[in-house]
Amino acid sequence: AASGSVSSIYAMGWYRQAPGKERELVAATLPTGARNIPVNLRGRFDI
């Protein structure tokens, strides 16, 4: 949930970081509804 200057938001997405690993993209979306999900996660995650 976003608050504050929400009218300025362009892209919204999710990242994750597992123990001992770097933070990685899980899924992101543009104002149009277009989605960007890494191919290895595409079948198991949606945004």
All heavy atoms as atom14 arrays in JSON, in Angstrom:
{
  "sequence": "AASGSVSSIYAMGWYRQAPGKERELVAATLPTGARNIPVNLRGRFDI",
  "atom14_mask": [
    [1, 1, 1, 1, 1, 0, 0, 0, 0, 0, 0, 0, 0, 0],
    [1, 1, 1, 1, 1, 0, 0, 0, 0, 0, 0, 0, 0, 0],
    [1, 1, 1, 1, 1, 1, 0, 0, 0, 0, 0, 0, 0, 0],
    [1, 1, 1, 1, 0, 0, 0, 0, 0, 0, 0, 0, 0, 0],
    [1, 1, 1, 1, 1, 1, 0, 0, 0, 0, 0, 0, 0, 0],
    [1, 1, 1, 1, 1, 1, 1, 0, 0, 0, 0, 0, 0, 0],
    [1, 1, 1, 1, 1, 1, 0, 0, 0, 0, 0, 0, 0, 0],
    [1, 1, 1, 1, 1, 1, 0, 0, 0, 0, 0, 0, 0, 0],
    [1, 1, 1, 1, 1, 1, 1, 1, 0, 0, 0, 0, 0, 0],
    [1, 1, 1, 1, 1, 1, 1, 1, 1, 1, 1, 1, 0, 0],
    [1, 1, 1, 1, 1, 0, 0, 0, 0, 0, 0, 0, 0, 0],
    [1, 1, 1, 1, 1, 1, 1, 1, 0, 0, 0, 0, 0, 0],
    [1, 1, 1, 1, 0, 0, 0, 0, 0, 0, 0, 0, 0, 0],
    [1, 1, 1, 1, 1, 1, 1, 1, 1, 1, 1, 1, 1, 1],
    [1, 1, 1, 1, 1, 1, 1, 1, 1, 1, 1, 1, 0, 0],
    [1, 1, 1, 1, 1, 1, 1, 1, 1, 1, 1, 0, 0, 0],
    [1, 1, 1, 1, 1, 1, 1, 1, 1, 0, 0, 0, 0, 0],
    [1, 1, 1, 1, 1, 0, 0, 0, 0, 0, 0, 0, 0, 0],
    [1, 1, 1, 1, 1, 1, 1, 0, 0, 0, 0, 0, 0, 0],
    [1, 1, 1, 1, 0, 0, 0, 0, 0, 0, 0, 0, 0, 0],
    [1, 1, 1, 1, 1, 1, 1, 1, 1, 0, 0, 0, 0, 0],
    [1, 1, 1, 1, 1, 1, 1, 1, 1, 0, 0, 0, 0, 0],
    [1, 1, 1, 1, 1, 1, 1, 1, 1, 1, 1, 0, 0, 0],
    [1, 1, 1, 1, 1, 1, 1, 1, 1, 0, 0, 0, 0, 0],
    [1, 1, 1, 1, 1, 1, 1, 1, 0, 0, 0, 0, 0, 0],
    [1, 1, 1, 1, 1, 1, 1, 0, 0, 0, 0, 0, 0, 0],
    [1, 1, 1, 1, 1, 0, 0, 0, 0, 0, 0, 0, 0, 0],
    [1, 1, 1, 1, 1, 0, 0, 0, 0, 0, 0, 0, 0, 0],
    [1, 1, 1, 1, 1, 1, 1, 0, 0, 0, 0, 0, 0, 0],
    [1, 1, 1, 1, 1, 1, 1, 1, 0, 0, 0, 0, 0, 0],
    [1, 1, 1, 1, 1, 1, 1, 0, 0, 0, 0, 0, 0, 0],
    [1, 1, 1, 1, 1, 1, 1, 0, 0, 0, 0, 0, 0, 0],
    [1, 1, 1, 1, 0, 0, 0, 0, 0, 0, 0, 0, 0, 0],
    [1, 1, 1, 1, 1, 0, 0, 0, 0, 0, 0, 0, 0, 0],
    [1, 1, 1, 1, 1, 1, 1, 1, 1, 1, 1, 0, 0, 0],
    [1, 1, 1, 1, 1, 1, 1, 1, 0, 0, 0, 0, 0, 0],
    [1, 1, 1, 1, 1, 1, 1, 1, 0, 0, 0, 0, 0, 0],
    [1, 1, 1, 1, 1, 1, 1, 0, 0, 0, 0, 0, 0, 0],
    [1, 1, 1, 1, 1, 1, 1, 0, 0, 0, 0, 0, 0, 0],
    [1, 1, 1, 1, 1, 1, 1, 1, 0, 0, 0, 0, 0, 0],
    [1, 1, 1, 1, 1, 1, 1, 1, 0, 0, 0, 0, 0, 0],
    [1, 1, 1, 1, 1, 1, 1, 1, 1, 1, 1, 0, 0, 0],
    [1, 1, 1, 1, 0, 0, 0, 0, 0, 0, 0, 0, 0, 0],
    [1, 1, 1, 1, 1, 1, 1, 1, 1, 1, 1, 0, 0, 0],
    [1, 1, 1, 1, 1, 1, 1, 1, 1, 1, 1, 0, 0, 0],
    [1, 1, 1, 1, 1, 1, 1, 1, 0, 0, 0, 0, 0, 0],
    [1, 1, 1, 1, 1, 1, 1, 1, 0, 0, 0, 0, 0, 0]
  ],
  "atom14_positions": [
    [[0.84, -1.19, 0.0], [0.0, 0.0, 0.0], [0.88, 1.24, 0.0], [1.74, 1.4, 0.87], [-0.93, 0.0, 1.21], [0.0, 0.0, 0.0], [0.0, 0.0, 0.0], [0.0, 0.0, 0.0], [0.0, 0.0, 0.0], [0.0, 0.0, 0.0], [0.0, 0.0, 0.0], [0.0, 0.0, 0.0], [0.0, 0.0, 0.0], [0.0, 0.0, 0.0]],
    [[0.66, 2.12, -0.96], [1.42, 3.35, -1.06], [0.63, 4.52, -0.52], [-0.6, 4.57, -0.64], [1.81, 3.63, -2.52], [0.0, 0.0, 0.0], [0.0, 0.0, 0.0], [0.0, 0.0, 0.0], [0.0, 0.0, 0.0], [0.0, 0.0, 0.0], [0.0, 0.0, 0.0], [0.0, 0.0, 0.0], [0.0, 0.0, 0.0], [0.0, 0.0, 0.0]],
    [[1.33, 5.46, 0.08], [0.71, 6.67, 0.59], [1.66, 7.83, 0.37], [2.82, 7.65, 0.03], [0.35, 6.54, 2.07], [1.51, 6.32, 2.86], [0.0, 0.0, 0.0], [0.0, 0.0, 0.0], [0.0, 0.0, 0.0], [0.0, 0.0, 0.0], [0.0, 0.0, 0.0], [0.0, 0.0, 0.0], [0.0, 0.0, 0.0], [0.0, 0.0, 0.0]],
    [[1.15, 9.03, 0.56], [1.94, 10.22, 0.3], [1.65, 10.75, -1.08], [0.5, 10.89, -1.47], [0.0, 0.0, 0.0], [0.0, 0.0, 0.0], [0.0, 0.0, 0.0], [0.0, 0.0, 0.0], [0.0, 0.0, 0.0], [0.0, 0.0, 0.0], [0.0, 0.0, 0.0], [0.0, 0.0, 0.0], [0.0, 0.0, 0.0], [0.0, 0.0, 0.0]],
    [[2.7, 11.01, -1.84], [2.56, 11.55, -3.18], [2.32, 10.44, -4.2], [3.15, 10.17, -5.07], [3.81, 12.35, -3.56], [3.64, 13.0, -4.81], [0.0, 0.0, 0.0], [0.0, 0.0, 0.0], [0.0, 0.0, 0.0], [0.0, 0.0, 0.0], [0.0, 0.0, 0.0], [0.0, 0.0, 0.0], [0.0, 0.0, 0.0], [0.0, 0.0, 0.0]],
    [[1.17, 9.8, -4.07], [0.88, 8.64, -4.91], [0.68, 9.02, -6.37], [0.85, 8.17, -7.25], [-0.34, 7.87, -4.38], [-0.06, 7.29, -3.01], [-1.56, 8.79, -4.32], [0.0, 0.0, 0.0], [0.0, 0.0, 0.0], [0.0, 0.0, 0.0], [0.0, 0.0, 0.0], [0.0, 0.0, 0.0], [0.0, 0.0, 0.0], [0.0, 0.0, 0.0]],
    [[0.33, 10.26, -6.64], [0.13, 10.68, -8.02], [1.42, 10.69, -8.82], [1.38, 10.71, -10.05], [-0.52, 12.07, -8.07], [0.31, 13.04, -7.46], [0.0, 0.0, 0.0], [0.0, 0.0, 0.0], [0.0, 0.0, 0.0], [0.0, 0.0, 0.0], [0.0, 0.0, 0.0], [0.0, 0.0, 0.0], [0.0, 0.0, 0.0], [0.0, 0.0, 0.0]],
    [[2.55, 10.68, -8.14], [3.84, 10.69, -8.82], [4.35, 9.31, -9.17], [5.38, 9.19, -9.83], [4.89, 11.4, -7.95], [5.2, 10.65, -6.79], [0.0, 0.0, 0.0], [0.0, 0.0, 0.0], [0.0, 0.0, 0.0], [0.0, 0.0, 0.0], [0.0, 0.0, 0.0], [0.0, 0.0, 0.0], [0.0, 0.0, 0.0], [0.0, 0.0, 0.0]],
    [[3.67, 8.27, -8.74], [4.14, 6.91, -8.96], [3.99, 6.5, -10.41], [2.95, 6.7, -11.03], [3.38, 5.92, -8.05], [3.67, 6.23, -6.59], [3.78, 4.49, -8.38], [2.89, 5.37, -5.62], [0.0, 0.0, 0.0], [0.0, 0.0, 0.0], [0.0, 0.0, 0.0], [0.0, 0.0, 0.0], [0.0, 0.0, 0.0], [0.0, 0.0, 0.0]],
    [[5.05, 5.91, -10.95], [5.03, 5.42, -12.31], [5.02, 3.89, -12.34], [4.03, 3.28, -12.72], [6.24, 5.95, -13.09], [6.32, 5.44, -14.5], [5.37, 5.8, -15.45], [7.36, 4.59, -14.9], [5.44, 5.33, -16.75], [7.44, 4.12, -16.2], [6.47, 4.49, -17.12], [6.54, 4.03, -18.41], [0.0, 0.0, 0.0], [0.0, 0.0, 0.0]],
    [[6.11, 3.28, -11.92], [6.19, 1.83, -11.89], [6.06, 1.32, -10.46], [6.49, 1.99, -9.52], [7.51, 1.35, -12.51], [0.0, 0.0, 0.0], [0.0, 0.0, 0.0], [0.0, 0.0, 0.0], [0.0, 0.0, 0.0], [0.0, 0.0, 0.0], [0.0, 0.0, 0.0], [0.0, 0.0, 0.0], [0.0, 0.0, 0.0], [0.0, 0.0, 0.0]],
    [[5.48, 0.15, -10.32], [5.36, -0.51, -9.03], [5.78, -1.96, -9.2], [5.42, -2.59, -10.19], [3.94, -0.44, -8.47], [3.36, 0.96, -8.37], [1.73, 1.01, -7.58], [2.19, 0.75, -5.86], [0.0, 0.0, 0.0], [0.0, 0.0, 0.0], [0.0, 0.0, 0.0], [0.0, 0.0, 0.0], [0.0, 0.0, 0.0], [0.0, 0.0, 0.0]],
    [[6.53, -2.48, -8.23], [6.99, -3.84, -8.37], [7.42, -4.46, -7.07], [7.37, -3.84, -6.0], [0.0, 0.0, 0.0], [0.0, 0.0, 0.0], [0.0, 0.0, 0.0], [0.0, 0.0, 0.0], [0.0, 0.0, 0.0], [0.0, 0.0, 0.0], [0.0, 0.0, 0.0], [0.0, 0.0, 0.0], [0.0, 0.0, 0.0], [0.0, 0.0, 0.0]],
    [[7.84, -5.7, -7.18], [8.29, -6.49, -6.04], [9.66, -7.07, -6.3], [9.95, -7.57, -7.4], [7.31, -7.63, -5.75], [6.03, -7.19, -5.11], [4.88, -6.82, -5.74], [5.78, -7.08, -3.71], [3.92, -6.49, -4.82], [4.44, -6.63, -3.57], [6.54, -7.31, -2.57], [3.86, -6.42, -2.32], [5.97, -7.09, -1.33], [4.65, -6.66, -1.22]],
    [[10.52, -6.99, -5.3], [11.83, -7.63, -5.3], [11.91, -8.54, -4.09], [11.1, -8.45, -3.17], [12.95, -6.59, -5.24], [13.13, -5.79, -6.52], [12.18, -4.86, -6.92], [14.27, -5.96, -7.31], [12.34, -4.13, -8.09], [14.45, -5.23, -8.47], [13.48, -4.31, -8.85], [13.66, -3.58, -10.01], [0.0, 0.0, 0.0], [0.0, 0.0, 0.0]],
    [[12.91, -9.41, -4.09], [13.11, -10.28, -2.94], [14.6, -10.5, -2.71], [15.41, -10.37, -3.62], [12.4, -11.62, -3.12], [13.03, -12.53, -4.18], [12.26, -13.82, -4.3], [12.85, -14.74, -5.27], [12.35, -15.92, -5.59], [11.23, -16.34, -5.01], [12.96, -16.69, -6.48], [0.0, 0.0, 0.0], [0.0, 0.0, 0.0], [0.0, 0.0, 0.0]],
    [[14.93, -10.83, -1.48], [16.31, -11.12, -1.11], [16.32, -12.3, -0.15], [15.81, -12.2, 0.96], [16.99, -9.91, -0.48], [18.48, -10.1, -0.24], [19.18, -8.79, 0.08], [18.56, -7.81, 0.47], [20.49, -8.77, -0.1], [0.0, 0.0, 0.0], [0.0, 0.0, 0.0], [0.0, 0.0, 0.0], [0.0, 0.0, 0.0], [0.0, 0.0, 0.0]],
    [[16.91, -13.38, -0.6], [17.06, -14.57, 0.22], [18.36, -14.49, 1.0], [19.28, -13.76, 0.62], [17.03, -15.83, -0.65], [0.0, 0.0, 0.0], [0.0, 0.0, 0.0], [0.0, 0.0, 0.0], [0.0, 0.0, 0.0], [0.0, 0.0, 0.0], [0.0, 0.0, 0.0], [0.0, 0.0, 0.0], [0.0, 0.0, 0.0], [0.0, 0.0, 0.0]],
    [[18.48, -15.24, 2.09], [19.72, -15.22, 2.88], [20.94, -15.55, 2.03], [20.95, -16.57, 1.33], [19.47, -16.27, 3.95], [17.99, -16.31, 4.1], [17.45, -16.09, 2.72], [0.0, 0.0, 0.0], [0.0, 0.0, 0.0], [0.0, 0.0, 0.0], [0.0, 0.0, 0.0], [0.0, 0.0, 0.0], [0.0, 0.0, 0.0], [0.0, 0.0, 0.0]],
    [[21.95, -14.7, 2.09], [23.18, -14.93, 1.36], [23.12, -14.63, -0.13], [24.08, -14.91, -0.84], [0.0, 0.0, 0.0], [0.0, 0.0, 0.0], [0.0, 0.0, 0.0], [0.0, 0.0, 0.0], [0.0, 0.0, 0.0], [0.0, 0.0, 0.0], [0.0, 0.0, 0.0], [0.0, 0.0, 0.0], [0.0, 0.0, 0.0], [0.0, 0.0, 0.0]],
    [[22.0, -14.08, -0.6], [21.86, -13.78, -2.01], [21.58, -12.31, -2.24], [21.23, -11.57, -1.32], [20.73, -14.63, -2.62], [20.98, -16.13, -2.59], [19.88, -16.89, -3.3], [20.15, -18.38, -3.31], [19.08, -19.13, -4.02], [0.0, 0.0, 0.0], [0.0, 0.0, 0.0], [0.0, 0.0, 0.0], [0.0, 0.0, 0.0], [0.0, 0.0, 0.0]],
    [[21.74, -11.89, -3.48], [21.47, -10.51, -3.85], [19.98, -10.3, -4.06], [19.23, -11.23, -4.35], [22.23, -10.14, -5.12], [23.74, -10.24, -5.01], [24.31, -9.22, -4.05], [23.77, -8.1, -3.98], [25.3, -9.55, -3.36], [0.0, 0.0, 0.0], [0.0, 0.0, 0.0], [0.0, 0.0, 0.0], [0.0, 0.0, 0.0], [0.0, 0.0, 0.0]],
    [[19.56, -9.05, -3.91], [18.18, -8.72, -4.16], [17.87, -8.87, -5.65], [18.66, -8.46, -6.5], [17.89, -7.29, -3.69], [16.41, -6.91, -3.71], [16.18, -5.56, -3.06], [16.59, -5.56, -1.66], [16.37, -4.55, -0.82], [15.74, -3.46, -1.24], [16.8, -4.63, 0.44], [0.0, 0.0, 0.0], [0.0, 0.0, 0.0], [0.0, 0.0, 0.0]],
    [[16.73, -9.47, -5.96], [16.38, -9.74, -7.34], [14.95, -9.32, -7.64], [14.08, -9.31, -6.76], [16.55, -11.22, -7.67], [15.62, -12.14, -6.9], [15.73, -13.6, -7.32], [16.31, -13.87, -8.38], [15.23, -14.46, -6.57], [0.0, 0.0, 0.0], [0.0, 0.0, 0.0], [0.0, 0.0, 0.0], [0.0, 0.0, 0.0], [0.0, 0.0, 0.0]],
    [[14.71, -9.01, -8.89], [13.37, -8.65, -9.35], [12.48, -9.88, -9.37], [12.88, -10.94, -9.87], [13.44, -8.03, -10.74], [12.1, -7.81, -11.45], [11.31, -6.69, -10.77], [12.31, -7.5, -12.93], [0.0, 0.0, 0.0], [0.0, 0.0, 0.0], [0.0, 0.0, 0.0], [0.0, 0.0, 0.0], [0.0, 0.0, 0.0], [0.0, 0.0, 0.0]],
    [[11.28, -9.73, -8.86], [10.27, -10.77, -8.95], [9.23, -10.41, -10.01], [8.91, -11.21, -10.89], [9.58, -11.01, -7.6], [8.52, -12.11, -7.73], [10.61, -11.39, -6.54], [0.0, 0.0, 0.0], [0.0, 0.0, 0.0], [0.0, 0.0, 0.0], [0.0, 0.0, 0.0], [0.0, 0.0, 0.0], [0.0, 0.0, 0.0], [0.0, 0.0, 0.0]],
    [[8.7, -9.2, -9.93], [7.7, -8.75, -10.89], [7.55, -7.25, -10.8], [7.73, -6.66, -9.73], [6.35, -9.44, -10.66], [0.0, 0.0, 0.0], [0.0, 0.0, 0.0], [0.0, 0.0, 0.0], [0.0, 0.0, 0.0], [0.0, 0.0, 0.0], [0.0, 0.0, 0.0], [0.0, 0.0, 0.0], [0.0, 0.0, 0.0], [0.0, 0.0, 0.0]],
    [[7.22, -6.62, -11.91], [6.98, -5.19, -11.94], [5.87, -4.89, -12.93], [5.59, -5.69, -13.84], [8.25, -4.42, -12.33], [0.0, 0.0, 0.0], [0.0, 0.0, 0.0], [0.0, 0.0, 0.0], [0.0, 0.0, 0.0], [0.0, 0.0, 0.0], [0.0, 0.0, 0.0], [0.0, 0.0, 0.0], [0.0, 0.0, 0.0], [0.0, 0.0, 0.0]],
    [[5.24, -3.75, -12.75], [4.14, -3.37, -13.62], [4.18, -1.89, -13.91], [4.6, -1.08, -13.08], [2.78, -3.75, -13.0], [1.72, -3.41, -13.9], [2.56, -3.02, -11.68], [0.0, 0.0, 0.0], [0.0, 0.0, 0.0], [0.0, 0.0, 0.0], [0.0, 0.0, 0.0], [0.0, 0.0, 0.0], [0.0, 0.0, 0.0], [0.0, 0.0, 0.0]],
    [[3.76, -1.53, -15.12], [3.67, -0.16, -15.56], [2.24, 0.34, -15.41], [1.32, -0.45, -15.2], [4.13, -0.03, -17.01], [5.57, -0.45, -17.29], [5.88, -0.35, -18.77], [6.54, 0.4, -16.48], [0.0, 0.0, 0.0], [0.0, 0.0, 0.0], [0.0, 0.0, 0.0], [0.0, 0.0, 0.0], [0.0, 0.0, 0.0], [0.0, 0.0, 0.0]],
    [[2.02, 1.67, -15.53], [0.66, 2.19, -15.39], [-0.33, 1.59, -16.37], [-1.53, 1.53, -16.07], [0.84, 3.7, -15.64], [2.24, 3.98, -15.26], [3.01, 2.76, -15.67], [0.0, 0.0, 0.0], [0.0, 0.0, 0.0], [0.0, 0.0, 0.0], [0.0, 0.0, 0.0], [0.0, 0.0, 0.0], [0.0, 0.0, 0.0], [0.0, 0.0, 0.0]],
    [[0.14, 1.15, -17.54], [-0.73, 0.55, -18.53], [-1.2, -0.84, -18.14], [-2.12, -1.38, -18.76], [-0.03, 0.47, -19.88], [1.16, -0.33, -19.74], [0.36, 1.85, -20.36], [0.0, 0.0, 0.0], [0.0, 0.0, 0.0], [0.0, 0.0, 0.0], [0.0, 0.0, 0.0], [0.0, 0.0, 0.0], [0.0, 0.0, 0.0], [0.0, 0.0, 0.0]],
    [[-0.56, -1.43, -17.14], [-0.85, -2.79, -16.76], [0.13, -3.79, -17.31], [0.04, -4.98, -16.98], [0.0, 0.0, 0.0], [0.0, 0.0, 0.0], [0.0, 0.0, 0.0], [0.0, 0.0, 0.0], [0.0, 0.0, 0.0], [0.0, 0.0, 0.0], [0.0, 0.0, 0.0], [0.0, 0.0, 0.0], [0.0, 0.0, 0.0], [0.0, 0.0, 0.0]],
    [[1.06, -3.35, -18.15], [2.08, -4.24, -18.68], [2.92, -4.8, -17.55], [3.28, -4.09, -16.61], [2.95, -3.49, -19.68], [0.0, 0.0, 0.0], [0.0, 0.0, 0.0], [0.0, 0.0, 0.0], [0.0, 0.0, 0.0], [0.0, 0.0, 0.0], [0.0, 0.0, 0.0], [0.0, 0.0, 0.0], [0.0, 0.0, 0.0], [0.0, 0.0, 0.0]],
    [[3.25, -6.07, -17.65], [3.98, -6.76, -16.6], [5.35, -7.2, -17.07], [5.57, -7.51, -18.24], [3.19, -7.99, -16.12], [1.87, -7.64, -15.48], [1.03, -8.89, -15.26], [-0.19, -8.61, -14.51], [-1.3, -8.15, -15.06], [-1.35, -7.91, -16.36], [-2.37, -7.91, -14.31], [0.0, 0.0, 0.0], [0.0, 0.0, 0.0], [0.0, 0.0, 0.0]],
    [[6.29, -7.22, -16.14], [7.64, -7.68, -16.39], [8.01, -8.69, -15.3], [8.22, -8.31, -14.16], [8.63, -6.53, -16.42], [10.04, -6.98, -16.75], [10.25, -8.06, -17.28], [11.01, -6.13, -16.45], [0.0, 0.0, 0.0], [0.0, 0.0, 0.0], [0.0, 0.0, 0.0], [0.0, 0.0, 0.0], [0.0, 0.0, 0.0], [0.0, 0.0, 0.0]],
    [[8.05, -9.95, -15.68], [8.38, -11.02, -14.75], [9.48, -11.87, -15.37], [9.35, -12.29, -16.52], [7.16, -11.91, -14.45], [6.0, -11.06, -13.93], [7.51, -13.0, -13.45], [4.72, -11.84, -13.71], [0.0, 0.0, 0.0], [0.0, 0.0, 0.0], [0.0, 0.0, 0.0], [0.0, 0.0, 0.0], [0.0, 0.0, 0.0], [0.0, 0.0, 0.0]],
    [[10.57, -12.12, -14.65], [11.63, -12.97, -15.19], [11.07, -14.32, -15.62], [10.17, -14.88, -14.99], [12.6, -13.13, -14.01], [12.38, -11.89, -13.2], [10.91, -11.59, -13.32], [0.0, 0.0, 0.0], [0.0, 0.0, 0.0], [0.0, 0.0, 0.0], [0.0, 0.0, 0.0], [0.0, 0.0, 0.0], [0.0, 0.0, 0.0], [0.0, 0.0, 0.0]],
    [[11.63, -14.84, -16.71], [11.08, -16.04, -17.31], [11.07, -17.22, -16.34], [10.15, -18.04, -16.37], [11.84, -16.39, -18.6], [13.3, -16.72, -18.3], [11.17, -17.55, -19.32], [0.0, 0.0, 0.0], [0.0, 0.0, 0.0], [0.0, 0.0, 0.0], [0.0, 0.0, 0.0], [0.0, 0.0, 0.0], [0.0, 0.0, 0.0], [0.0, 0.0, 0.0]],
    [[12.05, -17.3, -15.46], [12.11, -18.42, -14.53], [11.06, -18.33, -13.43], [10.82, -19.32, -12.72], [13.5, -18.52, -13.9], [13.87, -17.29, -13.11], [13.78, -16.17, -13.59], [14.31, -17.5, -11.87], [0.0, 0.0, 0.0], [0.0, 0.0, 0.0], [0.0, 0.0, 0.0], [0.0, 0.0, 0.0], [0.0, 0.0, 0.0], [0.0, 0.0, 0.0]],
    [[10.43, -17.18, -13.27], [9.4, -17.0, -12.27], [8.02, -16.81, -12.88], [7.03, -16.76, -12.14], [9.72, -15.79, -11.38], [11.05, -15.81, -10.63], [11.23, -14.51, -9.86], [11.13, -17.0, -9.7], [0.0, 0.0, 0.0], [0.0, 0.0, 0.0], [0.0, 0.0, 0.0], [0.0, 0.0, 0.0], [0.0, 0.0, 0.0], [0.0, 0.0, 0.0]],
    [[7.95, -16.7, -14.17], [6.72, -16.28, -14.83], [5.54, -17.21, -14.58], [4.4, -16.75, -14.49], [6.98, -16.14, -16.34], [5.92, -15.37, -17.09], [6.44, -15.0, -18.47], [7.57, -14.06, -18.37], [8.36, -13.74, -19.39], [8.15, -14.28, -20.58], [9.36, -12.88, -19.22], [0.0, 0.0, 0.0], [0.0, 0.0, 0.0], [0.0, 0.0, 0.0]],
    [[5.78, -18.45, -14.45], [4.71, -19.4, -14.24], [4.24, -19.51, -12.81], [3.2, -20.13, -12.54], [0.0, 0.0, 0.0], [0.0, 0.0, 0.0], [0.0, 0.0, 0.0], [0.0, 0.0, 0.0], [0.0, 0.0, 0.0], [0.0, 0.0, 0.0], [0.0, 0.0, 0.0], [0.0, 0.0, 0.0], [0.0, 0.0, 0.0], [0.0, 0.0, 0.0]],
    [[4.95, -18.94, -11.86], [4.64, -19.09, -10.44], [4.3, -17.78, -9.75], [3.83, -17.8, -8.61], [5.81, -19.76, -9.71], [6.17, -21.13, -10.27], [7.14, -21.88, -9.37], [8.42, -21.21, -9.24], [8.81, -20.57, -8.14], [8.03, -20.51, -7.07], [10.01, -20.0, -8.1], [0.0, 0.0, 0.0], [0.0, 0.0, 0.0], [0.0, 0.0, 0.0]],
    [[4.54, -16.67, -10.39], [4.26, -15.36, -9.82], [3.46, -14.52, -10.79], [3.62, -14.62, -12.0], [5.55, -14.61, -9.46], [6.33, -15.21, -8.34], [7.25, -16.22, -8.58], [6.17, -14.75, -7.05], [7.98, -16.78, -7.55], [6.9, -15.3, -6.0], [7.8, -16.31, -6.25], [0.0, 0.0, 0.0], [0.0, 0.0, 0.0], [0.0, 0.0, 0.0]],
    [[2.6, -13.69, -10.24], [1.9, -12.72, -11.04], [1.75, -11.44, -10.22], [1.86, -11.47, -8.99], [0.53, -13.23, -11.49], [-0.01, -12.46, -12.69], [0.7, -11.59, -13.23], [-1.16, -12.72, -13.09], [0.0, 0.0, 0.0], [0.0, 0.0, 0.0], [0.0, 0.0, 0.0], [0.0, 0.0, 0.0], [0.0, 0.0, 0.0], [0.0, 0.0, 0.0]],
    [[1.54, -10.33, -10.9], [1.44, -9.05, -10.23], [0.21, -8.32, -10.73], [-0.15, -8.4, -11.91], [2.72, -8.21, -10.46], [2.72, -6.95, -9.59], [2.9, -7.88, -11.94], [4.06, -6.23, -9.58], [0.0, 0.0, 0.0], [0.0, 0.0, 0.0], [0.0, 0.0, 0.0], [0.0, 0.0, 0.0], [0.0, 0.0, 0.0], [0.0, 0.0, 0.0]]
  ]
}
